[in-house]
Each structure stands twice: as C-alpha cells, then as structure tokens.
Amino acid sequence: MSGIFFLGTTGSLLNIILFSRRKLRQTSCCIYFLAASFSSLLSLLFGLVPTFYLLNNVYPGNYSVVFCKMQSYITHTSLQMTRVFLALACFDRYALSLGNNYLQRFATVTVACRCIPIVILSCYLIAIHLVIYLDVVNSSCGIRYAPALIYNSVYSITIISVTLPLFMFTFSLLTWVNLKRRQKQRQQMNTGLIHRDIIRDRKVFFTLSVQLILYFISTALYAPNIIYTTITQNMPKSSDQQAIGVFINRIALLLIYVYPGLSFSAFTLSSGTFRRELINLWRFLPIHCVRGTTVTPHTTSNRRTLNLTNNQS
C-alpha cells in the first residue's frame, strides 16, 4: 500500500507537469489525462493518508462525523472523476476517428476544457447522498439507513462496474474499427502526411488502451465486494467468515488504487511522446544543469592573459 501511495503521488505530480507542457496539452485526449491526474492525486491523498494514520492511531472517522463524511465523499468523488475523464477520453478518440465533421468538434481542446468543470460538478452532486447519510454509529463510520445503503450499492455497481466500463469498452472497440478502416482507405492514397497521421492516432489510442486495461484491473473486485457487503451486513457471521470478508475488502481497496498508483508507469511504458517529454523535463532540472556545468580553473597563464589584456586596454 505504501509503495502504491509513493508511486501514485509522485507519478500523478509528474503527470500533471508533463501534460501541462505545450506539446501534450495541444491534444484534447491529454487534457482529460491531465484532469484525471489531478483527481487521482486527490484520491490518493484523501484515501490512503488516513489509512496509514490508522495503523498506529484511531481512525478519526470513528469519532468525528465531519471527517467521516468529507473523507469518504472526497475520496469517492475523486475516483469517480478519474473514471469519467477516462470515459470522455475514449469518446474523444472515437469522435476523432469517425471522420464526421460534427462529432469531430467534440475532439478539441476547447470542448475538453468545458467538459472538465461539468464533470466535477456532476460527480459532486451525484454522490451528495454520502454527505447526507454517512454517520458515526457505534464508533464506526458508514451508512446505516437501509434504503440509502441499497441506493449506494445499486449506484456504485451500476455506474462504476457496469455503465462506465461498458462505455469505455464500446467506444474503444469502435475507435479501433474506425482506425483500421481509415488505415485501409489512406494506404491506397500513398501520402506520407496521411501515413504519419495514422501512426499518431494509433499511438494515442494504444496509450489510452493501456490506461483502460489498468482501470479494468483496479475495479475487478469492486462490484463483488459491494454485493457481498450489502447482502451479509445484517447476517450473523462466524470468525472465519469475518476474516474472509475483511480480506476481500482489503484486496478490493488495494485494487481501487492500482490505477492512480500506476498510471504514470503506464504512460511512460506506452507513449514515446510522454517519454521524450519526461527526458526533456529531466534536462531542465537544476541538478542536471549543475552536473553539466564545466568550471575552468584559474591558472597562472589565465592571470597573465588577463593582466596583458588590461594593460592593452
């Protein structure tokens, strides 16, 4: 868990820096990656820092209603924003690959910048039930109102485990089909510029596909864990069943942070442009400049040359 936190926070900060550079932020898909990096950083800070504090201390959410509500709310909405931004990136690539002038207007930096605040506001409003119904009961933070608990379970399973993954998979598949079709059409024209355009689109799509695979892994146990917790919440459990439930919950929690923790590594491995921007960023670091500085020793011959020049002037 600590390794994921370190890699995630460091990687998210580097993602933010790199996707803010001029060459990358000219692509609308990278704007969504930039927004997803911000939300991933928030989810790691609000989700894992209290977990580390819990190792040697009492969880503040067990006695503070405000902390219980806000920590769960911000963590959930930040993760949800990351998922929606990835879904929009999928539709962005689909719109660009379709060849339809009307839909291609969506795949622009301007539209991406307008969509981001809408997504942020929508995620905060949709998950407002967490602020209302989360409470501290018997020194434990959670939803105790049965209808609200059922609604939260249905909402989580429907949106996180069904709707968004299906949306991402569908538009990714359609994008792949469109790129294959465009490649066949443009290869007949034998134009070098078009060939470079095809290569660029395929590289961006490959980077997005790697991110989606990482996301699908991170949500693999989310729905089963929610279903199991909801069904067995009020059922009597043996010590073995309780241990199994705790184990499944911890594995599911660990997987949730796999995408925020490893997204930077995935970008680095899948995108040559991202790697080049990372190398360029390293060259601008002060430590690199210091190492590259050559100091000329002040010898006696240098002093003689300096004195001779001063006398001539």
Protein backbone atom coordinates (compact mmCIF):
# COMPACT_ATOMS: atom_id res chain seq x y z
CA MET A 1 0.00 0.00 0.00
CA SER A 2 2.81 2.43 0.86
CA GLY A 3 4.51 1.61 -2.46
CA ILE A 4 1.33 2.41 -4.38
CA PHE A 5 0.98 5.68 -2.45
CA PHE A 6 4.56 6.74 -3.20
CA LEU A 7 4.40 5.77 -6.86
CA GLY A 8 0.94 7.28 -7.20
CA THR A 9 1.62 10.67 -5.65
CA THR A 10 4.98 11.07 -7.38
CA GLY A 11 3.59 9.81 -10.67
CA SER A 12 0.47 11.98 -10.52
CA LEU A 13 2.59 15.08 -9.91
CA LEU A 14 4.82 14.18 -12.86
CA ASN A 15 1.73 13.51 -14.99
CA ILE A 16 0.39 16.95 -14.12
CA ILE A 17 3.70 18.61 -15.01
CA LEU A 18 4.14 16.71 -18.27
CA PHE A 19 0.56 17.00 -19.52
CA SER A 20 0.74 20.73 -18.78
CA ARG A 21 3.59 21.13 -21.27
CA ARG A 22 2.68 22.78 -24.55
CA LYS A 23 3.25 19.80 -26.83
CA LEU A 24 0.94 17.48 -24.89
CA ARG A 25 -1.80 19.89 -23.92
CA GLN A 26 -2.47 20.59 -27.61
CA THR A 27 -4.25 17.21 -27.77
CA SER A 28 -7.76 17.04 -26.32
CA CYS A 29 -7.24 13.49 -25.04
CA CYS A 30 -4.24 14.68 -23.00
CA ILE A 31 -6.43 17.34 -21.38
CA TYR A 32 -8.60 14.54 -19.98
CA PHE A 33 -5.45 12.73 -18.83
CA LEU A 34 -4.35 15.92 -17.09
CA ALA A 35 -7.67 16.24 -15.27
CA ALA A 36 -7.57 12.54 -14.35
CA SER A 37 -4.10 13.04 -12.86
CA PHE A 38 -5.41 15.80 -10.58
CA SER A 39 -8.32 13.66 -9.39
CA SER A 40 -6.05 10.63 -8.93
CA LEU A 41 -3.75 12.68 -6.71
CA LEU A 42 -6.72 13.80 -4.58
CA SER A 43 -7.98 10.23 -4.22
CA LEU A 44 -4.58 9.04 -3.03
CA LEU A 45 -4.17 11.85 -0.52
CA PHE A 46 -7.67 11.61 0.97
CA GLY A 47 -7.96 7.83 0.63
CA LEU A 48 -4.59 6.44 1.72
CA VAL A 49 -3.20 9.01 4.16
CA PRO A 50 -6.00 8.25 6.72
CA THR A 51 -5.32 4.55 6.13
CA PHE A 52 -1.67 4.99 7.11
CA TYR A 53 -2.71 7.05 10.12
CA LEU A 54 -4.99 4.19 11.14
CA LEU A 55 -2.04 1.80 11.53
CA ASN A 56 -0.91 3.34 14.82
CA ASN A 57 -3.88 5.51 15.77
CA VAL A 58 -7.66 5.51 15.99
CA TYR A 59 -9.37 6.33 12.71
CA PRO A 60 -10.69 9.92 13.04
CA GLY A 61 -13.85 8.97 11.16
CA ASN A 62 -14.86 6.70 14.04
CA TYR A 63 -15.49 9.68 16.31
CA SER A 64 -15.71 12.70 14.00
CA VAL A 65 -18.83 12.93 11.85
CA VAL A 66 -17.35 15.72 9.72
CA PHE A 67 -14.20 13.72 8.96
CA CYS A 68 -16.30 10.60 8.29
CA LYS A 69 -18.43 12.39 5.74
CA MET A 70 -15.79 14.51 3.99
CA GLN A 71 -13.04 11.88 3.75
CA SER A 72 -15.35 9.30 2.18
CA TYR A 73 -17.07 11.89 -0.02
CA ILE A 74 -13.90 13.45 -1.46
CA THR A 75 -12.21 10.08 -1.97
CA HIS A 76 -15.24 8.64 -3.76
CA THR A 77 -15.85 11.66 -5.99
CA SER A 78 -12.16 11.94 -6.90
CA LEU A 79 -12.06 8.31 -8.02
CA GLN A 80 -15.33 8.81 -9.88
CA MET A 81 -13.96 11.85 -11.71
CA THR A 82 -10.95 9.83 -12.83
CA ARG A 83 -13.23 7.18 -14.29
CA VAL A 84 -15.42 9.72 -16.11
CA PHE A 85 -12.39 11.51 -17.55
CA LEU A 86 -11.15 8.20 -18.95
CA ALA A 87 -14.59 7.56 -20.44
CA LEU A 88 -14.57 11.00 -22.08
CA ALA A 89 -11.08 10.31 -23.44
CA CYS A 90 -12.49 7.16 -25.08
CA PHE A 91 -15.32 9.10 -26.70
CA ASP A 92 -12.83 11.81 -27.72
CA ARG A 93 -10.75 9.28 -29.68
CA TYR A 94 -13.91 7.76 -31.17
CA ALA A 95 -15.17 11.16 -32.35
CA LEU A 96 -11.80 11.93 -33.93
CA SER A 97 -11.57 8.58 -35.69
CA LEU A 98 -15.11 8.65 -37.08
CA GLY A 99 -14.44 11.21 -39.80
CA ASN A 100 -17.71 13.01 -39.06
CA ASN A 101 -17.18 16.77 -39.01
CA TYR A 102 -19.95 17.29 -36.47
CA LEU A 103 -18.63 14.76 -33.95
CA GLN A 104 -15.03 15.78 -34.56
CA ARG A 105 -15.88 19.12 -32.94
CA PHE A 106 -16.02 17.24 -29.66
CA ALA A 107 -12.38 16.16 -30.01
CA THR A 108 -10.98 19.63 -29.40
CA VAL A 109 -9.11 21.19 -26.51
CA THR A 110 -11.83 23.83 -26.10
CA VAL A 111 -14.57 21.24 -25.62
CA ALA A 112 -12.38 19.24 -23.25
CA CYS A 113 -11.77 22.31 -21.08
CA ARG A 114 -15.53 22.94 -20.96
CA CYS A 115 -16.37 19.34 -20.08
CA ILE A 116 -14.00 19.14 -17.11
CA PRO A 117 -15.86 21.57 -14.77
CA ILE A 118 -19.18 19.97 -15.78
CA VAL A 119 -17.83 16.55 -14.78
CA ILE A 120 -16.51 17.87 -11.46
CA LEU A 121 -19.83 19.48 -10.55
CA SER A 122 -21.84 16.43 -11.67
CA CYS A 123 -19.74 13.99 -9.63
CA TYR A 124 -20.11 16.11 -6.51
CA LEU A 125 -23.88 16.35 -6.96
CA ILE A 126 -24.50 12.69 -7.83
CA ALA A 127 -22.63 11.47 -4.73
CA ILE A 128 -24.23 14.01 -2.36
CA HIS A 129 -26.08 11.16 -0.61
CA LEU A 130 -22.78 10.23 1.06
CA VAL A 131 -22.66 13.58 2.84
CA ILE A 132 -26.29 13.20 3.92
CA TYR A 133 -26.38 9.59 5.11
CA LEU A 134 -22.83 8.81 6.27
CA ASP A 135 -22.73 8.82 10.05
CA VAL A 136 -20.79 7.53 13.04
CA VAL A 137 -22.65 4.74 14.83
CA ASN A 138 -21.06 2.53 17.48
CA SER A 139 -17.65 4.10 16.77
CA SER A 140 -17.83 3.18 13.10
CA CYS A 141 -18.21 5.35 10.01
CA GLY A 142 -20.75 4.12 7.47
CA ILE A 143 -24.25 4.28 6.01
CA ARG A 144 -26.77 2.80 8.47
CA TYR A 145 -30.02 3.87 6.80
CA ALA A 146 -31.10 0.77 4.85
CA PRO A 147 -32.70 2.47 1.79
CA ALA A 148 -29.65 4.75 1.43
CA LEU A 149 -27.33 1.75 1.70
CA ILE A 150 -29.23 -0.09 -1.03
CA TYR A 151 -29.23 3.01 -3.23
CA ASN A 152 -25.48 3.45 -2.73
CA SER A 153 -24.85 -0.19 -3.62
CA VAL A 154 -27.01 -0.04 -6.77
CA TYR A 155 -25.47 3.30 -7.75
CA SER A 156 -21.92 2.02 -7.26
CA ILE A 157 -22.46 -1.23 -9.13
CA THR A 158 -24.43 0.37 -11.98
CA ILE A 159 -22.13 3.32 -12.61
CA ILE A 160 -18.68 2.07 -11.62
CA SER A 161 -18.84 -1.60 -12.54
CA VAL A 162 -21.29 -1.65 -15.46
CA THR A 163 -22.02 1.67 -17.20
CA LEU A 164 -18.55 3.24 -17.32
CA PRO A 165 -16.63 0.05 -18.21
CA LEU A 166 -19.20 -0.78 -20.91
CA PHE A 167 -18.99 2.79 -22.24
CA MET A 168 -15.19 2.65 -22.35
CA PHE A 169 -15.06 -0.79 -23.95
CA THR A 170 -17.69 0.05 -26.58
CA PHE A 171 -16.12 3.28 -27.78
CA SER A 172 -12.61 1.84 -27.62
CA LEU A 173 -13.71 -1.04 -29.84
CA LEU A 174 -15.44 1.36 -32.25
CA THR A 175 -12.32 3.54 -32.32
CA TRP A 176 -10.16 0.54 -33.19
CA VAL A 177 -12.54 -0.41 -36.01
CA ASN A 178 -12.54 3.14 -37.37
CA LEU A 179 -8.74 3.37 -37.27
CA LYS A 180 -8.46 0.11 -39.19
CA ARG A 181 -10.95 1.38 -41.79
CA ARG A 182 -9.16 4.72 -42.15
CA GLN A 183 -5.83 2.94 -42.48
CA LYS A 184 -7.08 0.85 -45.39
CA GLN A 185 -8.57 3.90 -47.11
CA ARG A 186 -5.50 6.09 -46.70
CA GLN A 187 -2.96 3.45 -47.63
CA GLN A 188 -4.44 3.50 -51.11
CA MET A 189 -3.62 7.21 -51.39
CA ASN A 190 0.09 6.63 -50.63
CA THR A 191 0.56 10.00 -48.91
CA GLY A 192 3.34 10.34 -46.34
CA LEU A 193 1.50 13.03 -44.37
CA ILE A 194 -1.57 10.84 -44.03
CA HIS A 195 0.62 7.92 -43.01
CA ARG A 196 2.06 10.00 -40.17
CA ASP A 197 -1.46 10.98 -39.16
CA ILE A 198 -2.46 7.31 -38.92
CA ILE A 199 0.60 6.48 -36.83
CA ARG A 200 -0.12 9.35 -34.44
CA ASP A 201 -3.75 8.30 -33.94
CA ARG A 202 -2.76 4.70 -33.32
CA LYS A 203 -0.15 5.71 -30.74
CA VAL A 204 -2.64 7.81 -28.80
CA PHE A 205 -5.19 5.00 -28.95
CA PHE A 206 -2.61 2.49 -27.70
CA THR A 207 -1.78 4.75 -24.74
CA LEU A 208 -5.47 5.05 -23.92
CA SER A 209 -5.95 1.28 -24.20
CA VAL A 210 -3.20 0.63 -21.65
CA GLN A 211 -4.89 3.06 -19.26
CA LEU A 212 -8.21 1.25 -19.72
CA ILE A 213 -6.68 -2.15 -19.01
CA LEU A 214 -5.22 -0.75 -15.80
CA TYR A 215 -8.62 0.70 -14.89
CA PHE A 216 -10.43 -2.61 -15.51
CA ILE A 217 -7.94 -4.35 -13.22
CA SER A 218 -8.48 -1.76 -10.50
CA THR A 219 -12.27 -2.28 -10.48
CA ALA A 220 -12.28 -6.08 -10.86
CA LEU A 221 -13.34 -6.78 -7.26
CA TYR A 222 -15.30 -3.59 -6.63
CA ALA A 223 -18.76 -4.89 -7.56
CA PRO A 224 -18.37 -8.34 -5.90
CA ASN A 225 -17.18 -6.68 -2.70
CA ILE A 226 -20.12 -4.24 -2.66
CA ILE A 227 -22.62 -7.03 -3.30
CA TYR A 228 -21.13 -9.27 -0.61
CA THR A 229 -21.00 -6.43 1.95
CA THR A 230 -24.61 -5.39 1.28
CA ILE A 231 -26.04 -8.91 1.45
CA THR A 232 -24.16 -10.03 4.56
CA GLN A 233 -24.22 -6.78 6.54
CA ASN A 234 -27.03 -7.84 8.91
CA MET A 235 -26.33 -11.57 8.82
CA PRO A 236 -24.58 -13.40 11.68
CA LYS A 237 -21.03 -14.36 10.72
CA SER A 238 -18.51 -16.74 12.13
CA SER A 239 -14.95 -15.68 12.82
CA ASP A 240 -13.81 -17.33 9.57
CA GLN A 241 -16.46 -15.51 7.55
CA GLN A 242 -15.48 -12.21 9.15
CA ALA A 243 -11.82 -12.85 8.32
CA ILE A 244 -12.70 -13.69 4.71
CA GLY A 245 -14.82 -10.54 4.44
CA VAL A 246 -12.02 -8.37 5.81
CA PHE A 247 -9.52 -9.97 3.43
CA ILE A 248 -11.73 -9.44 0.37
CA ASN A 249 -12.41 -5.86 1.41
CA ARG A 250 -8.69 -5.09 1.76
CA ILE A 251 -7.84 -6.64 -1.61
CA ALA A 252 -10.67 -4.68 -3.27
CA LEU A 253 -9.46 -1.49 -1.57
CA LEU A 254 -5.92 -2.14 -2.73
CA LEU A 255 -7.03 -2.71 -6.33
CA ILE A 256 -9.04 0.53 -6.38
CA TYR A 257 -5.79 2.48 -6.02
CA VAL A 258 -3.91 0.46 -8.63
CA TYR A 259 -4.86 2.88 -11.42
CA PRO A 260 -3.96 6.10 -9.54
CA GLY A 261 -0.78 4.43 -8.32
CA LEU A 262 0.49 3.04 -11.63
CA SER A 263 -0.91 5.42 -14.27
CA PHE A 264 2.43 7.25 -14.61
CA SER A 265 4.26 3.97 -15.21
CA ALA A 266 1.65 3.01 -17.80
CA PHE A 267 2.01 6.36 -19.60
CA THR A 268 5.80 6.02 -19.57
CA LEU A 269 5.77 2.49 -20.98
CA SER A 270 3.08 3.06 -23.64
CA SER A 271 3.82 6.54 -25.02
CA GLY A 272 7.01 7.55 -26.76
CA THR A 273 5.98 11.21 -26.75
CA PHE A 274 5.42 11.06 -22.99
CA ARG A 275 8.89 9.54 -22.52
CA ARG A 276 10.51 12.25 -24.64
CA GLU A 277 8.76 14.98 -22.65
CA LEU A 278 9.92 13.29 -19.45
CA ILE A 279 13.52 13.29 -20.70
CA ASN A 280 13.23 16.95 -21.69
CA LEU A 281 11.88 17.76 -18.24
CA TRP A 282 14.84 15.98 -16.65
CA ARG A 283 17.25 18.07 -18.70
CA PHE A 284 15.75 21.25 -17.26
CA LEU A 285 16.15 20.13 -13.65
CA PRO A 286 18.67 22.18 -11.59
CA ILE A 287 20.65 19.07 -10.61
CA HIS A 288 21.15 18.25 -14.29
CA CYS A 289 22.30 21.80 -15.01
CA VAL A 290 24.78 21.70 -12.14
CA ARG A 291 26.20 18.40 -13.33
CA GLY A 292 26.54 19.75 -16.83
CA THR A 293 28.42 22.89 -15.77
CA THR A 294 32.12 22.98 -16.56
CA VAL A 295 34.33 25.03 -14.24
CA THR A 296 37.55 26.42 -15.79
CA PRO A 297 40.44 26.52 -13.28
CA HIS A 298 42.01 29.92 -12.70
CA THR A 299 45.66 29.18 -13.59
CA THR A 300 48.70 31.40 -13.70
CA SER A 301 48.55 31.60 -17.50
CA ASN A 302 44.98 32.84 -17.26
CA ARG A 303 46.03 35.56 -14.85
CA ARG A 304 48.86 36.65 -17.18
CA THR A 305 46.48 36.82 -20.13
CA LEU A 306 44.04 38.88 -18.07
CA ASN A 307 46.77 41.32 -16.98
CA LEU A 308 48.04 41.70 -20.56
CA THR A 309 44.56 42.46 -21.78
CA ASN A 310 44.05 45.07 -19.08
CA ASN A 311 47.35 46.78 -19.94
CA GLN A 312 46.45 46.93 -23.64
CA SER A 313 43.11 48.48 -22.90
